Amino acid sequence: MKRTRRDPRTPDLFDYAGDKDPIPRFEEKVSAIASLTHRICRGMKEAAERCKTNGVTRATIAKRMSEYLGDEITTQILDKYISPGSGDHQISVVRFLAFIHATGDKRLLNLIVEPFGDISVPRECEGWIVAGQLAMAEDKIKLQLDDTRQRRNLMTRFAMGGRR
């Protein structure tokens, strides 16, 4: 039997090795913090600590943020953003995005969208999500179609006096 070539644009289900979670999230101890401000500060602190273990200092993060924004971010300002006790120094959305860019820690995105019941996933997963949504819609339509057919059959039997 001749083996057919597969479409190179179609992802292979078996390519996913399962060695990394496609949805980057913080551990429950961070997501469970009641205050959104404290949750963001804690997430930023963990992201900075992860960078530190990889040899990236807070000074480097601040420099990367500055380059990304074209605006100076000092280590002192970054430290105030990370500290929940600095209530007068809450990070803006633009600077928060620069921080995500500087650290590469996408878990921070989910801290923002999870309270709305959403998640942030890599673009490469988008096709699988759309396929799942279409399959769910197809199942719903099939159920509605089956229900409509059953009602039609009942009405036809009733109209015929209960005979088939």
N, C-alpha and C. Protein backbone atom coordinates (compact mmCIF):
# COMPACT_ATOMS: atom_id res chain seq x y z
N MET A 1 0.84 -1.17 0.00
CA MET A 1 0.00 0.00 0.00
C MET A 1 0.90 1.25 0.00
N LYS A 2 0.56 2.18 -0.87
CA LYS A 2 1.35 3.39 -0.99
C LYS A 2 1.00 4.35 0.16
N ARG A 3 2.02 4.87 0.77
CA ARG A 3 1.83 5.79 1.88
C ARG A 3 1.62 7.19 1.33
N THR A 4 0.57 7.86 1.81
CA THR A 4 0.30 9.22 1.33
C THR A 4 1.06 10.23 2.18
N ARG A 5 1.41 11.31 1.55
CA ARG A 5 2.07 12.39 2.28
C ARG A 5 1.02 13.19 3.03
N ARG A 6 1.43 13.63 4.19
CA ARG A 6 0.47 14.43 4.96
C ARG A 6 0.69 15.90 4.65
N ASP A 7 -0.36 16.67 4.83
CA ASP A 7 -0.32 18.11 4.59
C ASP A 7 0.62 18.75 5.62
N PRO A 8 1.68 19.44 5.20
CA PRO A 8 2.64 20.03 6.14
C PRO A 8 2.03 21.14 7.00
N ARG A 9 0.88 21.69 6.58
CA ARG A 9 0.24 22.75 7.36
C ARG A 9 -0.64 22.21 8.47
N THR A 10 -0.92 20.91 8.44
CA THR A 10 -1.77 20.29 9.46
C THR A 10 -0.90 19.80 10.60
N PRO A 11 -1.18 20.27 11.82
CA PRO A 11 -0.38 19.80 12.95
C PRO A 11 -0.66 18.33 13.25
N ASP A 12 0.37 17.64 13.64
CA ASP A 12 0.25 16.22 13.99
C ASP A 12 -0.08 16.11 15.47
N LEU A 13 -1.15 15.40 15.78
CA LEU A 13 -1.58 15.23 17.15
C LEU A 13 -0.50 14.62 18.01
N PHE A 14 0.33 13.76 17.44
CA PHE A 14 1.35 13.06 18.21
C PHE A 14 2.66 13.84 18.34
N ASP A 15 2.72 15.03 17.71
CA ASP A 15 3.92 15.87 17.85
C ASP A 15 4.04 16.45 19.25
N TYR A 16 2.92 16.65 19.92
CA TYR A 16 2.96 17.22 21.26
C TYR A 16 3.47 16.18 22.23
N ALA A 17 4.62 16.46 22.82
CA ALA A 17 5.26 15.49 23.70
C ALA A 17 4.69 15.51 25.11
N GLY A 18 3.98 16.57 25.45
CA GLY A 18 3.39 16.65 26.78
C GLY A 18 4.38 16.98 27.88
N ASP A 19 5.57 17.45 27.50
CA ASP A 19 6.58 17.75 28.52
C ASP A 19 6.43 19.15 29.10
N LYS A 20 5.59 19.97 28.49
CA LYS A 20 5.35 21.29 29.06
C LYS A 20 3.86 21.60 28.97
N ASP A 21 3.38 22.30 29.96
CA ASP A 21 1.99 22.69 29.99
C ASP A 21 1.80 23.82 28.98
N PRO A 22 0.87 23.69 28.03
CA PRO A 22 0.69 24.75 27.04
C PRO A 22 0.08 26.01 27.64
N ILE A 23 -0.45 25.90 28.86
CA ILE A 23 -1.05 27.05 29.52
C ILE A 23 -0.15 27.45 30.69
N PRO A 24 0.65 28.50 30.50
CA PRO A 24 1.58 28.90 31.57
C PRO A 24 0.83 29.53 32.75
N ARG A 25 0.97 28.92 33.93
CA ARG A 25 0.28 29.42 35.12
C ARG A 25 1.20 29.40 36.32
N PHE A 26 0.85 30.22 37.29
CA PHE A 26 1.53 30.20 38.57
C PHE A 26 0.89 29.11 39.42
N GLU A 27 1.61 28.70 40.45
CA GLU A 27 1.06 27.73 41.39
C GLU A 27 -0.12 28.36 42.11
N GLU A 28 -0.94 27.52 42.68
CA GLU A 28 -2.16 27.97 43.36
C GLU A 28 -1.90 29.04 44.41
N LYS A 29 -0.74 28.97 45.09
CA LYS A 29 -0.45 29.94 46.15
C LYS A 29 -0.42 31.37 45.64
N VAL A 30 -0.10 31.57 44.37
CA VAL A 30 -0.10 32.92 43.80
C VAL A 30 -1.49 33.28 43.32
N SER A 31 -2.15 32.38 42.58
CA SER A 31 -3.47 32.68 42.02
C SER A 31 -4.54 32.82 43.09
N ALA A 32 -4.31 32.24 44.28
CA ALA A 32 -5.32 32.28 45.34
C ALA A 32 -5.28 33.55 46.17
N ILE A 33 -4.29 34.41 45.95
CA ILE A 33 -4.20 35.66 46.71
C ILE A 33 -5.41 36.52 46.35
N ALA A 34 -6.11 36.98 47.37
CA ALA A 34 -7.39 37.68 47.16
C ALA A 34 -7.23 39.00 46.41
N SER A 35 -6.29 39.81 46.80
CA SER A 35 -6.12 41.13 46.20
C SER A 35 -5.42 41.02 44.84
N LEU A 36 -6.02 41.62 43.82
CA LEU A 36 -5.41 41.59 42.49
C LEU A 36 -4.04 42.27 42.51
N THR A 37 -3.94 43.38 43.23
CA THR A 37 -2.66 44.10 43.33
C THR A 37 -1.58 43.19 43.92
N HIS A 38 -1.91 42.51 45.02
CA HIS A 38 -0.93 41.62 45.66
C HIS A 38 -0.61 40.41 44.77
N ARG A 39 -1.61 39.92 44.04
CA ARG A 39 -1.40 38.78 43.14
C ARG A 39 -0.42 39.17 42.04
N ILE A 40 -0.59 40.37 41.47
CA ILE A 40 0.31 40.83 40.41
C ILE A 40 1.72 41.04 40.96
N CYS A 41 1.82 41.66 42.15
CA CYS A 41 3.14 41.87 42.76
C CYS A 41 3.83 40.54 43.01
N ARG A 42 3.08 39.57 43.53
CA ARG A 42 3.67 38.25 43.84
C ARG A 42 4.10 37.56 42.55
N GLY A 43 3.28 37.66 41.51
CA GLY A 43 3.65 37.07 40.22
C GLY A 43 4.90 37.71 39.65
N MET A 44 4.99 39.03 39.75
CA MET A 44 6.18 39.74 39.26
C MET A 44 7.41 39.34 40.07
N LYS A 45 7.22 39.18 41.38
CA LYS A 45 8.35 38.77 42.23
C LYS A 45 8.85 37.39 41.82
N GLU A 46 7.90 36.46 41.61
CA GLU A 46 8.31 35.11 41.19
C GLU A 46 8.97 35.11 39.82
N ALA A 47 8.46 35.94 38.92
CA ALA A 47 9.08 36.04 37.59
C ALA A 47 10.50 36.59 37.69
N ALA A 48 10.69 37.60 38.53
CA ALA A 48 12.04 38.17 38.73
C ALA A 48 12.97 37.15 39.38
N GLU A 49 12.45 36.36 40.32
CA GLU A 49 13.27 35.33 40.96
C GLU A 49 13.65 34.23 39.97
N ARG A 50 12.72 33.89 39.09
CA ARG A 50 13.04 32.89 38.05
C ARG A 50 14.14 33.42 37.14
N CYS A 51 14.06 34.70 36.80
CA CYS A 51 15.10 35.32 35.97
C CYS A 51 16.44 35.27 36.69
N LYS A 52 16.42 35.56 38.00
CA LYS A 52 17.66 35.58 38.79
C LYS A 52 18.34 34.21 38.76
N THR A 53 17.55 33.13 38.85
CA THR A 53 18.14 31.79 38.79
C THR A 53 18.75 31.50 37.42
N ASN A 54 18.31 32.24 36.41
CA ASN A 54 18.87 32.10 35.07
C ASN A 54 19.93 33.16 34.78
N GLY A 55 20.36 33.87 35.82
CA GLY A 55 21.45 34.85 35.66
C GLY A 55 21.01 36.21 35.19
N VAL A 56 19.71 36.49 35.22
CA VAL A 56 19.21 37.79 34.79
C VAL A 56 18.82 38.59 36.03
N THR A 57 19.50 39.70 36.25
CA THR A 57 19.26 40.52 37.45
C THR A 57 18.07 41.46 37.23
N ARG A 58 17.62 42.06 38.33
CA ARG A 58 16.55 43.06 38.22
C ARG A 58 17.03 44.26 37.42
N ALA A 59 18.30 44.58 37.52
CA ALA A 59 18.85 45.70 36.73
C ALA A 59 18.73 45.41 35.24
N THR A 60 18.96 44.15 34.86
CA THR A 60 18.83 43.76 33.45
C THR A 60 17.36 43.81 33.02
N ILE A 61 16.47 43.38 33.90
CA ILE A 61 15.04 43.44 33.59
C ILE A 61 14.62 44.89 33.38
N ALA A 62 15.07 45.78 34.28
CA ALA A 62 14.75 47.21 34.15
C ALA A 62 15.30 47.78 32.85
N LYS A 63 16.51 47.37 32.48
CA LYS A 63 17.13 47.85 31.24
C LYS A 63 16.33 47.36 30.03
N ARG A 64 15.92 46.08 30.05
CA ARG A 64 15.12 45.54 28.95
C ARG A 64 13.78 46.27 28.84
N MET A 65 13.17 46.55 29.99
CA MET A 65 11.91 47.29 29.98
C MET A 65 12.11 48.67 29.38
N SER A 66 13.19 49.34 29.77
CA SER A 66 13.49 50.68 29.26
C SER A 66 13.65 50.65 27.74
N GLU A 67 14.39 49.67 27.25
CA GLU A 67 14.60 49.54 25.80
C GLU A 67 13.29 49.27 25.08
N TYR A 68 12.45 48.43 25.67
CA TYR A 68 11.16 48.07 25.07
C TYR A 68 10.23 49.28 24.99
N LEU A 69 10.24 50.09 26.04
CA LEU A 69 9.32 51.23 26.12
C LEU A 69 9.89 52.51 25.51
N GLY A 70 11.22 52.61 25.47
CA GLY A 70 11.83 53.86 25.07
C GLY A 70 11.70 54.90 26.18
N ASP A 71 11.56 54.42 27.41
CA ASP A 71 11.38 55.26 28.59
C ASP A 71 12.20 54.64 29.71
N GLU A 72 12.83 55.45 30.53
CA GLU A 72 13.72 54.90 31.55
C GLU A 72 12.94 54.26 32.70
N ILE A 73 13.29 53.01 32.99
CA ILE A 73 12.78 52.29 34.16
C ILE A 73 14.00 51.95 35.00
N THR A 74 14.02 52.43 36.23
CA THR A 74 15.16 52.14 37.11
C THR A 74 14.87 50.90 37.95
N THR A 75 15.92 50.35 38.51
CA THR A 75 15.78 49.20 39.40
C THR A 75 14.93 49.58 40.61
N GLN A 76 15.08 50.82 41.08
CA GLN A 76 14.30 51.27 42.24
C GLN A 76 12.80 51.29 41.92
N ILE A 77 12.45 51.76 40.74
CA ILE A 77 11.04 51.79 40.33
C ILE A 77 10.53 50.35 40.20
N LEU A 78 11.33 49.48 39.58
CA LEU A 78 10.95 48.08 39.43
C LEU A 78 10.72 47.43 40.79
N ASP A 79 11.61 47.70 41.74
CA ASP A 79 11.46 47.15 43.09
C ASP A 79 10.16 47.63 43.74
N LYS A 80 9.78 48.87 43.49
CA LYS A 80 8.52 49.39 44.06
C LYS A 80 7.32 48.72 43.40
N TYR A 81 7.42 48.44 42.10
CA TYR A 81 6.32 47.73 41.41
C TYR A 81 6.15 46.33 41.99
N ILE A 82 7.25 45.69 42.32
CA ILE A 82 7.21 44.31 42.80
C ILE A 82 6.77 44.24 44.27
N SER A 83 6.96 45.31 45.01
CA SER A 83 6.62 45.32 46.43
C SER A 83 5.15 45.70 46.63
N PRO A 84 4.36 44.80 47.24
CA PRO A 84 2.94 45.12 47.46
C PRO A 84 2.73 46.25 48.47
N GLY A 85 3.74 46.55 49.27
CA GLY A 85 3.65 47.62 50.26
C GLY A 85 3.74 49.01 49.66
N SER A 86 4.13 49.10 48.40
CA SER A 86 4.24 50.40 47.73
C SER A 86 2.95 50.69 46.99
N GLY A 87 1.91 50.96 47.74
CA GLY A 87 0.59 51.20 47.15
C GLY A 87 0.55 52.37 46.20
N ASP A 88 1.46 53.32 46.38
CA ASP A 88 1.48 54.50 45.51
C ASP A 88 2.25 54.24 44.21
N HIS A 89 2.80 53.03 44.05
CA HIS A 89 3.56 52.70 42.84
C HIS A 89 2.99 51.45 42.17
N GLN A 90 1.73 51.50 41.77
CA GLN A 90 1.17 50.38 41.03
C GLN A 90 1.61 50.47 39.58
N ILE A 91 1.95 49.33 39.00
CA ILE A 91 2.45 49.30 37.63
C ILE A 91 1.32 49.53 36.63
N SER A 92 1.61 50.29 35.58
CA SER A 92 0.61 50.52 34.53
C SER A 92 0.57 49.29 33.61
N VAL A 93 -0.46 49.19 32.82
CA VAL A 93 -0.60 48.06 31.89
C VAL A 93 0.56 48.04 30.90
N VAL A 94 0.92 49.19 30.38
CA VAL A 94 2.00 49.27 29.39
C VAL A 94 3.32 48.79 30.01
N ARG A 95 3.60 49.25 31.20
CA ARG A 95 4.84 48.83 31.87
C ARG A 95 4.78 47.35 32.27
N PHE A 96 3.59 46.88 32.62
CA PHE A 96 3.42 45.47 32.95
C PHE A 96 3.74 44.61 31.72
N LEU A 97 3.26 45.02 30.57
CA LEU A 97 3.57 44.30 29.33
C LEU A 97 5.07 44.34 29.04
N ALA A 98 5.71 45.47 29.32
CA ALA A 98 7.16 45.57 29.15
C ALA A 98 7.87 44.61 30.10
N PHE A 99 7.34 44.48 31.33
CA PHE A 99 7.92 43.53 32.29
C PHE A 99 7.79 42.10 31.78
N ILE A 100 6.63 41.76 31.24
CA ILE A 100 6.43 40.42 30.67
C ILE A 100 7.43 40.20 29.53
N HIS A 101 7.58 41.21 28.68
CA HIS A 101 8.55 41.12 27.58
C HIS A 101 9.97 40.92 28.12
N ALA A 102 10.32 41.69 29.14
CA ALA A 102 11.69 41.65 29.69
C ALA A 102 12.00 40.33 30.38
N THR A 103 11.00 39.74 31.03
CA THR A 103 11.23 38.48 31.76
C THR A 103 10.91 37.26 30.91
N GLY A 104 10.06 37.43 29.92
CA GLY A 104 9.63 36.30 29.10
C GLY A 104 8.67 35.37 29.84
N ASP A 105 8.15 35.82 30.98
CA ASP A 105 7.29 34.97 31.81
C ASP A 105 5.82 35.21 31.47
N LYS A 106 5.28 34.32 30.65
CA LYS A 106 3.90 34.45 30.16
C LYS A 106 2.86 34.06 31.21
N ARG A 107 3.31 33.51 32.33
CA ARG A 107 2.36 33.18 33.40
C ARG A 107 1.64 34.43 33.87
N LEU A 108 2.32 35.57 33.75
CA LEU A 108 1.75 36.84 34.19
C LEU A 108 0.49 37.20 33.40
N LEU A 109 0.43 36.80 32.14
CA LEU A 109 -0.76 37.07 31.33
C LEU A 109 -1.99 36.40 31.92
N ASN A 110 -1.81 35.17 32.40
CA ASN A 110 -2.95 34.46 32.96
C ASN A 110 -3.42 35.05 34.29
N LEU A 111 -2.53 35.72 35.02
CA LEU A 111 -2.97 36.40 36.24
C LEU A 111 -4.01 37.47 35.90
N ILE A 112 -3.87 38.05 34.73
CA ILE A 112 -4.77 39.14 34.31
C ILE A 112 -6.08 38.60 33.74
N VAL A 113 -6.04 37.53 32.95
CA VAL A 113 -7.26 37.08 32.27
C VAL A 113 -8.06 36.03 33.03
N GLU A 114 -7.43 35.29 33.94
CA GLU A 114 -8.16 34.25 34.66
C GLU A 114 -9.35 34.75 35.47
N PRO A 115 -9.29 35.95 36.10
CA PRO A 115 -10.48 36.42 36.82
C PRO A 115 -11.71 36.60 35.92
N PHE A 116 -11.51 36.68 34.62
CA PHE A 116 -12.60 36.82 33.67
C PHE A 116 -13.05 35.47 33.10
N GLY A 117 -12.45 34.40 33.62
CA GLY A 117 -12.81 33.06 33.14
C GLY A 117 -12.10 32.66 31.87
N ASP A 118 -11.03 33.37 31.53
CA ASP A 118 -10.30 33.08 30.31
C ASP A 118 -8.89 32.61 30.63
N ILE A 119 -8.19 32.15 29.60
CA ILE A 119 -6.79 31.75 29.73
C ILE A 119 -6.03 32.29 28.53
N SER A 120 -4.75 32.40 28.71
CA SER A 120 -3.87 32.81 27.62
C SER A 120 -3.11 31.57 27.17
N VAL A 121 -3.20 31.27 25.89
CA VAL A 121 -2.51 30.10 25.35
C VAL A 121 -1.65 30.53 24.17
N PRO A 122 -0.61 29.75 23.87
CA PRO A 122 0.22 30.07 22.70
C PRO A 122 -0.60 30.02 21.40
N ARG A 123 -0.26 30.87 20.46
CA ARG A 123 -0.98 30.93 19.19
C ARG A 123 -1.01 29.57 18.49
N GLU A 124 0.03 28.77 18.69
CA GLU A 124 0.08 27.46 18.03
C GLU A 124 -1.06 26.54 18.48
N CYS A 125 -1.69 26.84 19.61
CA CYS A 125 -2.82 26.04 20.11
C CYS A 125 -4.16 26.52 19.56
N GLU A 126 -4.17 27.65 18.88
CA GLU A 126 -5.42 28.25 18.43
C GLU A 126 -6.23 27.31 17.53
N GLY A 127 -5.58 26.64 16.62
CA GLY A 127 -6.29 25.72 15.71
C GLY A 127 -6.98 24.60 16.46
N TRP A 128 -6.32 24.09 17.48
CA TRP A 128 -6.93 23.02 18.28
C TRP A 128 -8.13 23.54 19.06
N ILE A 129 -8.05 24.76 19.54
CA ILE A 129 -9.15 25.35 20.29
C ILE A 129 -10.35 25.58 19.37
N VAL A 130 -10.10 26.13 18.20
CA VAL A 130 -11.19 26.36 17.24
C VAL A 130 -11.82 25.03 16.84
N ALA A 131 -11.00 24.02 16.60
CA ALA A 131 -11.54 22.70 16.23
C ALA A 131 -12.42 22.16 17.37
N GLY A 132 -12.00 22.34 18.61
CA GLY A 132 -12.79 21.90 19.74
C GLY A 132 -14.11 22.65 19.85
N GLN A 133 -14.07 23.95 19.60
CA GLN A 133 -15.29 24.75 19.65
C GLN A 133 -16.26 24.32 18.55
N LEU A 134 -15.73 24.06 17.36
CA LEU A 134 -16.58 23.62 16.26
C LEU A 134 -17.18 22.25 16.55
N ALA A 135 -16.39 21.36 17.16
CA ALA A 135 -16.90 20.02 17.51
C ALA A 135 -18.01 20.14 18.55
N MET A 136 -17.86 21.04 19.52
CA MET A 136 -18.92 21.23 20.51
C MET A 136 -20.18 21.79 19.86
N ALA A 137 -20.01 22.74 18.93
CA ALA A 137 -21.16 23.30 18.21
C ALA A 137 -21.84 22.23 17.37
N GLU A 138 -21.04 21.37 16.75
CA GLU A 138 -21.59 20.28 15.94
C GLU A 138 -22.40 19.33 16.82
N ASP A 139 -21.89 18.99 18.00
CA ASP A 139 -22.62 18.12 18.92
C ASP A 139 -23.94 18.76 19.33
N LYS A 140 -23.94 20.05 19.60
CA LYS A 140 -25.16 20.75 19.99
C LYS A 140 -26.19 20.72 18.86
N ILE A 141 -25.72 20.96 17.64
CA ILE A 141 -26.63 20.94 16.49
C ILE A 141 -27.20 19.54 16.28
N LYS A 142 -26.36 18.52 16.43
CA LYS A 142 -26.85 17.14 16.28
C LYS A 142 -27.92 16.82 17.32
N LEU A 143 -27.71 17.27 18.56
CA LEU A 143 -28.72 17.05 19.60
C LEU A 143 -30.02 17.76 19.27
N GLN A 144 -29.92 19.00 18.79
CA GLN A 144 -31.11 19.75 18.41
C GLN A 144 -31.83 19.08 17.23
N LEU A 145 -31.06 18.58 16.27
CA LEU A 145 -31.64 17.90 15.13
C LEU A 145 -32.35 16.61 15.56
N ASP A 146 -31.71 15.83 16.43
CA ASP A 146 -32.34 14.60 16.95
C ASP A 146 -33.63 14.93 17.70
N ASP A 147 -33.60 15.98 18.51
CA ASP A 147 -34.77 16.39 19.27
C ASP A 147 -35.90 16.80 18.33
N THR A 148 -35.57 17.57 17.30
CA THR A 148 -36.57 18.01 16.32
C THR A 148 -37.17 16.82 15.59
N ARG A 149 -36.34 15.87 15.20
CA ARG A 149 -36.85 14.67 14.52
C ARG A 149 -37.78 13.86 15.42
N GLN A 150 -37.41 13.73 16.70
CA GLN A 150 -38.26 12.99 17.63
C GLN A 150 -39.61 13.68 17.79
N ARG A 151 -39.62 15.00 17.91
CA ARG A 151 -40.89 15.74 18.03
C ARG A 151 -41.72 15.60 16.77
N ARG A 152 -41.05 15.66 15.61
CA ARG A 152 -41.77 15.50 14.34
C ARG A 152 -42.41 14.13 14.26
N ASN A 153 -41.65 13.09 14.67
CA ASN A 153 -42.19 11.73 14.65
C ASN A 153 -43.37 11.58 15.59
N LEU A 154 -43.29 12.19 16.78
CA LEU A 154 -44.40 12.14 17.73
C LEU A 154 -45.63 12.85 17.17
N MET A 155 -45.42 14.00 16.55
CA MET A 155 -46.54 14.75 15.98
C MET A 155 -47.17 13.98 14.82
N THR A 156 -46.34 13.32 14.02
CA THR A 156 -46.85 12.53 12.91
C THR A 156 -47.68 11.36 13.44
N ARG A 157 -47.20 10.67 14.47
CA ARG A 157 -47.95 9.56 15.07
C ARG A 157 -49.26 10.05 15.67
N PHE A 158 -49.20 11.20 16.35
CA PHE A 158 -50.40 11.74 16.96
C PHE A 158 -51.42 12.11 15.89
N ALA A 159 -50.95 12.70 14.79
CA ALA A 159 -51.85 13.11 13.69
C ALA A 159 -52.49 11.88 13.04
N MET A 160 -51.80 10.74 13.06
CA MET A 160 -52.32 9.52 12.45
C MET A 160 -53.13 8.71 13.44
N GLY A 161 -53.41 9.27 14.59
CA GLY A 161 -54.20 8.55 15.59
C GLY A 161 -53.39 7.55 16.37
N GLY A 162 -52.12 7.79 16.48
CA GLY A 162 -51.29 6.89 17.29
C GLY A 162 -50.73 5.71 16.52
N ARG A 163 -51.14 5.56 15.23
CA ARG A 163 -50.61 4.46 14.42
C ARG A 163 -49.30 4.89 13.77
N ARG A 164 -48.54 3.93 13.45
CA ARG A 164 -47.27 4.20 12.82
C ARG A 164 -47.32 4.15 11.33
